[in-house]
N, C-alpha and C. Protein backbone atom coordinates (compact mmCIF):
# COMPACT_ATOMS: atom_id res chain seq x y z
N MET A 1 -0.28 -14.29 -6.64
CA MET A 1 -1.41 -14.50 -5.76
C MET A 1 -2.52 -13.53 -6.15
N GLN A 2 -3.60 -14.04 -6.65
CA GLN A 2 -4.73 -13.21 -7.03
C GLN A 2 -5.87 -13.43 -6.04
N THR A 3 -5.96 -12.53 -5.10
CA THR A 3 -7.02 -12.58 -4.11
C THR A 3 -7.49 -11.15 -3.87
N ASP A 4 -8.69 -11.00 -3.35
CA ASP A 4 -9.18 -9.65 -3.11
C ASP A 4 -9.01 -9.21 -1.66
N ASN A 5 -8.40 -10.09 -0.83
CA ASN A 5 -8.16 -9.74 0.57
C ASN A 5 -6.87 -10.43 1.02
N LEU A 6 -5.92 -9.64 1.49
CA LEU A 6 -4.61 -10.17 1.87
C LEU A 6 -4.52 -10.54 3.36
N ILE A 7 -5.64 -10.60 4.05
CA ILE A 7 -5.61 -10.86 5.50
C ILE A 7 -5.02 -12.24 5.81
N SER A 8 -5.34 -13.25 5.02
CA SER A 8 -4.77 -14.59 5.26
C SER A 8 -3.27 -14.59 5.04
N LEU A 9 -2.83 -13.87 4.01
CA LEU A 9 -1.40 -13.76 3.75
C LEU A 9 -0.72 -13.05 4.92
N LYS A 10 -1.34 -12.00 5.44
CA LYS A 10 -0.78 -11.30 6.59
C LYS A 10 -0.63 -12.25 7.78
N ASP A 11 -1.65 -13.04 8.05
CA ASP A 11 -1.58 -14.00 9.15
C ASP A 11 -0.45 -14.99 8.95
N ASP A 12 -0.27 -15.45 7.70
CA ASP A 12 0.83 -16.37 7.39
C ASP A 12 2.18 -15.69 7.62
N MET A 13 2.28 -14.44 7.23
CA MET A 13 3.53 -13.69 7.42
C MET A 13 3.86 -13.54 8.90
N VAL A 14 2.86 -13.18 9.68
CA VAL A 14 3.06 -13.00 11.12
C VAL A 14 3.59 -14.29 11.74
N ALA A 15 2.96 -15.42 11.40
CA ALA A 15 3.37 -16.71 11.94
C ALA A 15 4.77 -17.10 11.47
N PHE A 16 5.07 -16.86 10.21
CA PHE A 16 6.37 -17.22 9.65
C PHE A 16 7.49 -16.39 10.29
N ILE A 17 7.25 -15.11 10.45
CA ILE A 17 8.24 -14.23 11.08
C ILE A 17 8.50 -14.67 12.52
N ALA A 18 7.44 -14.93 13.26
CA ALA A 18 7.58 -15.39 14.65
C ALA A 18 8.29 -16.74 14.68
N GLY A 19 7.99 -17.62 13.74
CA GLY A 19 8.62 -18.92 13.66
C GLY A 19 10.12 -18.85 13.42
N HIS A 20 10.58 -17.75 12.86
CA HIS A 20 12.01 -17.54 12.65
C HIS A 20 12.65 -16.79 13.82
N GLY A 21 11.88 -16.63 14.88
CA GLY A 21 12.41 -15.99 16.08
C GLY A 21 12.62 -14.49 15.94
N MET A 22 11.92 -13.90 14.99
CA MET A 22 12.06 -12.47 14.77
C MET A 22 10.84 -11.73 15.29
N ARG A 23 11.02 -10.47 15.54
CA ARG A 23 9.92 -9.63 16.02
C ARG A 23 9.42 -8.76 14.88
N ARG A 24 8.18 -8.30 15.03
CA ARG A 24 7.58 -7.37 14.06
C ARG A 24 7.44 -6.00 14.69
N PHE A 25 7.67 -5.01 13.88
CA PHE A 25 7.53 -3.62 14.29
C PHE A 25 6.56 -2.98 13.31
N THR A 26 5.43 -2.51 13.79
CA THR A 26 4.43 -1.90 12.91
C THR A 26 4.93 -0.55 12.44
N ALA A 27 5.24 -0.48 11.16
CA ALA A 27 5.74 0.77 10.57
C ALA A 27 5.66 0.68 9.06
N TYR A 28 5.40 1.83 8.45
CA TYR A 28 5.42 1.94 7.00
C TYR A 28 6.71 2.65 6.61
N VAL A 29 7.40 2.11 5.64
CA VAL A 29 8.63 2.73 5.14
C VAL A 29 8.27 3.48 3.86
N GLY A 30 8.39 4.79 3.91
CA GLY A 30 8.01 5.64 2.79
C GLY A 30 9.09 5.77 1.73
N GLU A 31 8.74 6.49 0.68
CA GLU A 31 9.63 6.67 -0.46
C GLU A 31 10.84 7.53 -0.14
N ASP A 32 10.77 8.31 0.94
CA ASP A 32 11.87 9.21 1.27
C ASP A 32 13.03 8.51 1.97
N VAL A 33 12.89 7.23 2.26
CA VAL A 33 13.93 6.45 2.93
C VAL A 33 14.70 5.65 1.87
N PRO A 34 16.04 5.69 1.90
CA PRO A 34 16.79 4.87 0.94
C PRO A 34 16.38 3.40 1.06
N SER A 35 15.97 2.82 -0.05
CA SER A 35 15.46 1.46 0.02
C SER A 35 15.73 0.68 -1.26
N VAL A 36 15.66 -0.61 -1.11
CA VAL A 36 15.79 -1.55 -2.21
C VAL A 36 14.55 -2.43 -2.18
N MET A 37 13.86 -2.52 -3.32
CA MET A 37 12.65 -3.31 -3.41
C MET A 37 13.01 -4.76 -3.76
N PHE A 38 12.49 -5.69 -2.98
CA PHE A 38 12.69 -7.11 -3.23
C PHE A 38 11.82 -7.49 -4.41
N ASP A 39 12.42 -8.04 -5.44
CA ASP A 39 11.71 -8.38 -6.66
C ASP A 39 11.66 -9.90 -6.80
N GLU A 40 10.50 -10.45 -6.59
CA GLU A 40 10.34 -11.90 -6.63
C GLU A 40 9.00 -12.22 -7.28
N ASP A 41 9.04 -13.05 -8.31
CA ASP A 41 7.81 -13.43 -9.00
C ASP A 41 7.07 -14.57 -8.30
N ASN A 42 7.76 -15.29 -7.47
CA ASN A 42 7.20 -16.43 -6.75
C ASN A 42 6.17 -15.94 -5.73
N ALA A 43 5.01 -16.58 -5.67
CA ALA A 43 3.95 -16.18 -4.72
C ALA A 43 4.42 -16.28 -3.28
N ASP A 44 5.35 -17.17 -3.00
CA ASP A 44 5.89 -17.30 -1.65
C ASP A 44 7.22 -16.59 -1.50
N GLY A 45 7.50 -15.64 -2.37
CA GLY A 45 8.75 -14.89 -2.32
C GLY A 45 8.95 -14.15 -1.01
N TRP A 46 7.85 -13.80 -0.36
CA TRP A 46 7.96 -13.11 0.93
C TRP A 46 8.67 -13.98 1.96
N LYS A 47 8.55 -15.29 1.82
CA LYS A 47 9.26 -16.19 2.75
C LYS A 47 10.77 -16.06 2.54
N ASP A 48 11.19 -16.00 1.28
CA ASP A 48 12.61 -15.78 0.99
C ASP A 48 13.06 -14.44 1.58
N PHE A 49 12.21 -13.44 1.48
CA PHE A 49 12.53 -12.13 2.02
C PHE A 49 12.79 -12.20 3.53
N VAL A 50 11.91 -12.89 4.25
CA VAL A 50 12.07 -13.05 5.70
C VAL A 50 13.36 -13.80 6.01
N GLU A 51 13.65 -14.83 5.23
CA GLU A 51 14.89 -15.58 5.44
C GLU A 51 16.12 -14.73 5.15
N HIS A 52 16.04 -13.84 4.17
CA HIS A 52 17.15 -12.91 3.89
C HIS A 52 17.33 -11.96 5.07
N ALA A 53 16.23 -11.50 5.64
CA ALA A 53 16.30 -10.60 6.81
C ALA A 53 17.02 -11.30 7.96
N LYS A 54 16.65 -12.54 8.18
CA LYS A 54 17.29 -13.29 9.27
C LYS A 54 18.78 -13.49 8.99
N ALA A 55 19.10 -13.84 7.75
CA ALA A 55 20.51 -14.05 7.38
C ALA A 55 21.32 -12.77 7.50
N ALA A 56 20.67 -11.62 7.30
CA ALA A 56 21.36 -10.33 7.41
C ALA A 56 21.50 -9.89 8.87
N GLY A 57 20.92 -10.67 9.77
CA GLY A 57 21.03 -10.34 11.19
C GLY A 57 20.01 -9.33 11.69
N ALA A 58 18.95 -9.13 10.93
CA ALA A 58 17.92 -8.17 11.35
C ALA A 58 17.23 -8.69 12.61
N ALA A 59 17.08 -7.81 13.59
CA ALA A 59 16.43 -8.20 14.84
C ALA A 59 14.90 -8.16 14.71
N PHE A 60 14.44 -7.35 13.76
CA PHE A 60 12.99 -7.25 13.57
C PHE A 60 12.69 -6.91 12.12
N ILE A 61 11.44 -7.09 11.77
CA ILE A 61 10.93 -6.76 10.44
C ILE A 61 9.81 -5.75 10.62
N THR A 62 9.84 -4.70 9.80
CA THR A 62 8.73 -3.77 9.82
C THR A 62 7.58 -4.38 9.03
N MET A 63 6.37 -4.05 9.44
CA MET A 63 5.19 -4.57 8.74
C MET A 63 4.14 -3.48 8.70
N SER A 64 3.58 -3.30 7.53
CA SER A 64 2.51 -2.33 7.34
C SER A 64 1.42 -2.94 6.49
N GLU A 65 0.20 -2.57 6.80
CA GLU A 65 -0.93 -3.04 6.01
C GLU A 65 -1.88 -1.88 5.77
N ILE A 66 -2.61 -1.96 4.68
CA ILE A 66 -3.64 -0.96 4.42
C ILE A 66 -4.95 -1.70 4.21
N VAL A 67 -5.92 -1.33 5.04
CA VAL A 67 -7.28 -1.85 4.96
C VAL A 67 -8.13 -0.72 4.40
N LEU A 68 -8.91 -1.00 3.37
CA LEU A 68 -9.74 0.02 2.77
C LEU A 68 -10.87 0.40 3.73
N GLU A 69 -10.98 1.67 4.01
CA GLU A 69 -12.01 2.19 4.90
C GLU A 69 -13.10 2.87 4.08
N LYS A 70 -14.30 2.87 4.62
CA LYS A 70 -15.42 3.52 3.94
C LYS A 70 -15.13 5.00 3.70
N ALA A 71 -14.49 5.64 4.67
CA ALA A 71 -14.15 7.06 4.54
C ALA A 71 -13.21 7.30 3.35
N ASP A 72 -12.30 6.34 3.08
CA ASP A 72 -11.39 6.48 1.93
C ASP A 72 -12.18 6.55 0.63
N ILE A 73 -13.18 5.70 0.51
CA ILE A 73 -14.00 5.67 -0.70
C ILE A 73 -14.86 6.93 -0.78
N GLU A 74 -15.40 7.37 0.35
CA GLU A 74 -16.22 8.58 0.35
C GLU A 74 -15.42 9.79 -0.12
N VAL A 75 -14.19 9.92 0.36
CA VAL A 75 -13.33 11.03 -0.05
C VAL A 75 -13.02 10.93 -1.55
N LEU A 76 -12.68 9.73 -2.00
CA LEU A 76 -12.37 9.52 -3.41
C LEU A 76 -13.56 9.90 -4.29
N ILE A 77 -14.75 9.41 -3.94
CA ILE A 77 -15.95 9.70 -4.74
C ILE A 77 -16.25 11.20 -4.73
N ALA A 78 -16.15 11.84 -3.57
CA ALA A 78 -16.42 13.28 -3.49
C ALA A 78 -15.45 14.07 -4.37
N GLN A 79 -14.18 13.71 -4.33
CA GLN A 79 -13.19 14.41 -5.15
C GLN A 79 -13.41 14.17 -6.63
N LEU A 80 -13.75 12.93 -6.99
CA LEU A 80 -14.01 12.64 -8.40
C LEU A 80 -15.24 13.40 -8.89
N ARG A 81 -16.27 13.48 -8.05
CA ARG A 81 -17.47 14.25 -8.44
C ARG A 81 -17.12 15.71 -8.65
N GLU A 82 -16.31 16.25 -7.77
CA GLU A 82 -15.91 17.65 -7.88
C GLU A 82 -15.09 17.88 -9.15
N ASP A 83 -14.16 16.97 -9.42
CA ASP A 83 -13.28 17.13 -10.57
C ASP A 83 -13.99 16.88 -11.90
N HIS A 84 -15.03 16.05 -11.90
CA HIS A 84 -15.73 15.70 -13.14
C HIS A 84 -17.07 16.39 -13.27
N PHE A 85 -17.39 17.31 -12.37
CA PHE A 85 -18.66 18.01 -12.44
C PHE A 85 -18.74 18.76 -13.76
N PRO A 86 -19.80 18.73 -14.48
CA PRO A 86 -21.11 18.17 -14.19
C PRO A 86 -21.30 16.75 -14.71
N ASN A 87 -20.24 16.11 -15.20
CA ASN A 87 -20.34 14.76 -15.78
C ASN A 87 -20.32 13.71 -14.67
N ASP A 88 -21.49 13.40 -14.10
CA ASP A 88 -21.57 12.40 -13.03
C ASP A 88 -21.52 10.97 -13.56
N GLU A 89 -21.30 10.82 -14.86
CA GLU A 89 -21.24 9.49 -15.46
C GLU A 89 -19.82 9.12 -15.86
N ALA A 90 -18.84 9.77 -15.29
CA ALA A 90 -17.45 9.48 -15.61
C ALA A 90 -17.10 8.05 -15.21
N ALA A 91 -16.29 7.39 -16.03
CA ALA A 91 -15.90 5.99 -15.77
C ALA A 91 -15.19 5.86 -14.43
N GLU A 92 -14.36 6.85 -14.09
CA GLU A 92 -13.63 6.80 -12.82
C GLU A 92 -14.58 6.79 -11.63
N LEU A 93 -15.68 7.51 -11.75
CA LEU A 93 -16.66 7.56 -10.67
C LEU A 93 -17.31 6.20 -10.47
N ASP A 94 -17.61 5.52 -11.57
CA ASP A 94 -18.17 4.16 -11.49
C ASP A 94 -17.18 3.21 -10.83
N GLU A 95 -15.92 3.34 -11.21
CA GLU A 95 -14.88 2.48 -10.62
C GLU A 95 -14.76 2.73 -9.12
N ALA A 96 -14.77 3.98 -8.73
CA ALA A 96 -14.67 4.32 -7.31
C ALA A 96 -15.86 3.77 -6.54
N GLN A 97 -17.04 3.87 -7.11
CA GLN A 97 -18.22 3.34 -6.43
C GLN A 97 -18.15 1.82 -6.31
N TYR A 98 -17.56 1.16 -7.29
CA TYR A 98 -17.41 -0.30 -7.24
C TYR A 98 -16.46 -0.71 -6.12
N LEU A 99 -15.49 0.13 -5.80
CA LEU A 99 -14.52 -0.19 -4.75
C LEU A 99 -15.17 -0.34 -3.38
N VAL A 100 -16.39 0.12 -3.22
CA VAL A 100 -17.12 -0.05 -1.94
C VAL A 100 -17.18 -1.53 -1.58
N ASN A 101 -17.16 -2.41 -2.58
CA ASN A 101 -17.20 -3.86 -2.34
C ASN A 101 -16.00 -4.36 -1.55
N TYR A 102 -14.93 -3.56 -1.48
CA TYR A 102 -13.70 -3.99 -0.83
C TYR A 102 -13.46 -3.32 0.52
N VAL A 103 -14.42 -2.55 0.99
CA VAL A 103 -14.29 -1.90 2.30
C VAL A 103 -14.10 -2.97 3.37
N GLY A 104 -13.12 -2.74 4.23
CA GLY A 104 -12.80 -3.69 5.30
C GLY A 104 -11.81 -4.76 4.92
N LYS A 105 -11.39 -4.77 3.66
CA LYS A 105 -10.44 -5.78 3.19
C LYS A 105 -9.03 -5.20 3.14
N THR A 106 -8.06 -6.08 3.36
CA THR A 106 -6.66 -5.69 3.31
C THR A 106 -6.20 -5.75 1.86
N GLY A 107 -5.70 -4.62 1.35
CA GLY A 107 -5.31 -4.54 -0.05
C GLY A 107 -3.82 -4.38 -0.28
N TYR A 108 -3.06 -4.12 0.80
CA TYR A 108 -1.63 -3.84 0.63
C TYR A 108 -0.88 -4.29 1.86
N LEU A 109 0.26 -4.92 1.64
CA LEU A 109 1.16 -5.33 2.72
C LEU A 109 2.59 -4.94 2.35
N GLN A 110 3.32 -4.48 3.35
CA GLN A 110 4.73 -4.16 3.17
C GLN A 110 5.53 -4.76 4.32
N LEU A 111 6.61 -5.44 3.98
CA LEU A 111 7.58 -5.93 4.95
C LEU A 111 8.89 -5.19 4.69
N GLY A 112 9.67 -4.98 5.74
CA GLY A 112 10.95 -4.31 5.56
C GLY A 112 11.94 -4.67 6.64
N PHE A 113 13.22 -4.55 6.32
CA PHE A 113 14.27 -4.67 7.33
C PHE A 113 15.43 -3.78 6.94
N ALA A 114 16.10 -3.29 7.95
CA ALA A 114 17.23 -2.39 7.72
C ALA A 114 18.53 -3.19 7.70
N HIS A 115 19.40 -2.83 6.78
CA HIS A 115 20.72 -3.46 6.71
C HIS A 115 21.69 -2.46 6.10
N GLN A 116 22.73 -2.12 6.85
CA GLN A 116 23.78 -1.21 6.43
C GLN A 116 23.23 0.11 5.87
N GLY A 117 22.27 0.67 6.59
CA GLY A 117 21.74 1.98 6.24
C GLY A 117 20.72 2.01 5.13
N VAL A 118 20.29 0.87 4.68
CA VAL A 118 19.30 0.79 3.60
C VAL A 118 18.14 -0.08 4.08
N MET A 119 16.92 0.31 3.72
CA MET A 119 15.75 -0.52 4.01
C MET A 119 15.51 -1.44 2.82
N PHE A 120 15.39 -2.70 3.11
CA PHE A 120 15.02 -3.68 2.09
C PHE A 120 13.53 -3.92 2.27
N LEU A 121 12.78 -3.85 1.16
CA LEU A 121 11.33 -3.90 1.23
C LEU A 121 10.74 -4.99 0.35
N TYR A 122 9.65 -5.55 0.85
CA TYR A 122 8.82 -6.47 0.08
C TYR A 122 7.41 -5.90 0.13
N GLU A 123 6.78 -5.74 -1.03
CA GLU A 123 5.41 -5.24 -1.08
C GLU A 123 4.55 -6.14 -1.94
N THR A 124 3.29 -6.25 -1.56
CA THR A 124 2.31 -6.94 -2.38
C THR A 124 0.98 -6.23 -2.22
N SER A 125 0.18 -6.28 -3.27
CA SER A 125 -1.12 -5.63 -3.21
C SER A 125 -2.10 -6.33 -4.13
N THR A 126 -3.37 -6.04 -3.90
CA THR A 126 -4.43 -6.61 -4.73
C THR A 126 -4.66 -5.72 -5.95
N PRO A 127 -5.24 -6.26 -7.00
CA PRO A 127 -5.55 -5.42 -8.17
C PRO A 127 -6.49 -4.26 -7.83
N TRP A 128 -7.47 -4.48 -6.96
CA TRP A 128 -8.39 -3.39 -6.62
C TRP A 128 -7.67 -2.28 -5.85
N TYR A 129 -6.69 -2.65 -5.02
CA TYR A 129 -5.96 -1.61 -4.29
C TYR A 129 -5.09 -0.80 -5.25
N GLU A 130 -4.49 -1.47 -6.21
CA GLU A 130 -3.69 -0.77 -7.20
C GLU A 130 -4.54 0.23 -7.98
N ARG A 131 -5.78 -0.18 -8.32
CA ARG A 131 -6.68 0.74 -9.03
C ARG A 131 -7.08 1.91 -8.14
N PHE A 132 -7.32 1.64 -6.86
CA PHE A 132 -7.63 2.70 -5.90
C PHE A 132 -6.49 3.71 -5.88
N GLN A 133 -5.26 3.22 -5.81
CA GLN A 133 -4.10 4.10 -5.79
C GLN A 133 -4.01 4.93 -7.08
N GLN A 134 -4.28 4.31 -8.22
CA GLN A 134 -4.24 5.02 -9.49
C GLN A 134 -5.27 6.15 -9.52
N LEU A 135 -6.46 5.87 -9.01
CA LEU A 135 -7.50 6.89 -8.96
C LEU A 135 -7.10 8.04 -8.04
N MET A 136 -6.50 7.72 -6.89
CA MET A 136 -6.06 8.76 -5.97
C MET A 136 -4.94 9.60 -6.59
N GLU A 137 -4.02 8.95 -7.27
CA GLU A 137 -2.93 9.67 -7.91
C GLU A 137 -3.43 10.55 -9.05
N SER A 138 -4.46 10.07 -9.76
CA SER A 138 -5.01 10.90 -10.84
C SER A 138 -5.64 12.17 -10.28
N LEU A 139 -6.21 12.09 -9.10
CA LEU A 139 -6.76 13.28 -8.45
C LEU A 139 -5.64 14.25 -8.09
N ASP A 140 -4.53 13.72 -7.57
CA ASP A 140 -3.38 14.56 -7.23
C ASP A 140 -2.82 15.23 -8.48
N ASP A 141 -2.71 14.46 -9.57
CA ASP A 141 -2.20 15.01 -10.83
C ASP A 141 -3.13 16.10 -11.35
N PHE A 142 -4.44 15.87 -11.26
CA PHE A 142 -5.43 16.84 -11.72
C PHE A 142 -5.31 18.13 -10.91
N ALA A 143 -5.14 18.00 -9.60
CA ALA A 143 -5.01 19.17 -8.74
C ALA A 143 -3.76 19.97 -9.09
N LEU A 144 -2.67 19.28 -9.36
CA LEU A 144 -1.43 19.96 -9.73
C LEU A 144 -1.56 20.70 -11.07
N LEU A 145 -2.23 20.07 -12.03
CA LEU A 145 -2.42 20.70 -13.34
C LEU A 145 -3.29 21.95 -13.25
N ASN A 146 -4.25 21.93 -12.35
CA ASN A 146 -5.17 23.05 -12.21
C ASN A 146 -4.74 24.05 -11.16
N GLY A 147 -3.59 23.81 -10.54
CA GLY A 147 -3.11 24.74 -9.53
C GLY A 147 -3.93 24.74 -8.26
N THR A 148 -4.60 23.63 -7.97
CA THR A 148 -5.45 23.54 -6.78
C THR A 148 -4.91 22.55 -5.77
N ASP A 149 -3.61 22.30 -5.82
CA ASP A 149 -3.00 21.36 -4.88
C ASP A 149 -3.11 21.92 -3.47
N ASP A 150 -3.68 21.14 -2.56
CA ASP A 150 -3.90 21.56 -1.17
C ASP A 150 -2.74 21.21 -0.25
N SER A 151 -1.68 20.59 -0.79
CA SER A 151 -0.58 20.19 0.08
C SER A 151 0.13 21.43 0.60
N ASP A 152 0.75 21.30 1.76
CA ASP A 152 1.43 22.41 2.42
C ASP A 152 2.89 22.43 1.99
N ASP A 153 3.21 23.33 1.06
CA ASP A 153 4.58 23.41 0.55
C ASP A 153 5.34 24.62 1.09
N ASP A 154 4.83 25.25 2.12
CA ASP A 154 5.48 26.43 2.70
C ASP A 154 6.78 26.05 3.37
N ASP A 155 7.78 26.90 3.25
CA ASP A 155 9.07 26.65 3.87
C ASP A 155 9.27 27.52 5.11
N ASP A 156 8.21 27.83 5.82
CA ASP A 156 8.28 28.71 6.99
C ASP A 156 9.14 28.18 8.07
């Protein structure tokens, strides 16, 4: 599925899940949770995922979405400018500025269900969201290389 906004897909998912008599629980399942990623090349593979959840006896499915916010782009651009100063013509900066076209659009969806202590996950995203993530990760990598990581790693 090549689209720049997953909102219609989200609406289809909500209806399909409800049609199977299941409930949705708004939650994001992070990398720190034992999980298995559902791997399906079919554009409607998410339907198979929901049917697997029902067959496994799941009472609900977790659902998470990410909508690109203007503040996300502003932070990205500010960090890229800081990291690439004085070169304001960096390709990454141009890419980040182009992402403004996707503000307000849904770029990522995650479905999940728990079974025998493991979360089974289905994820889909747009190409622009994947590029946004790559740019954000490159900033994190740059901060780690330069010893300027702002994350709180204290064990107090």
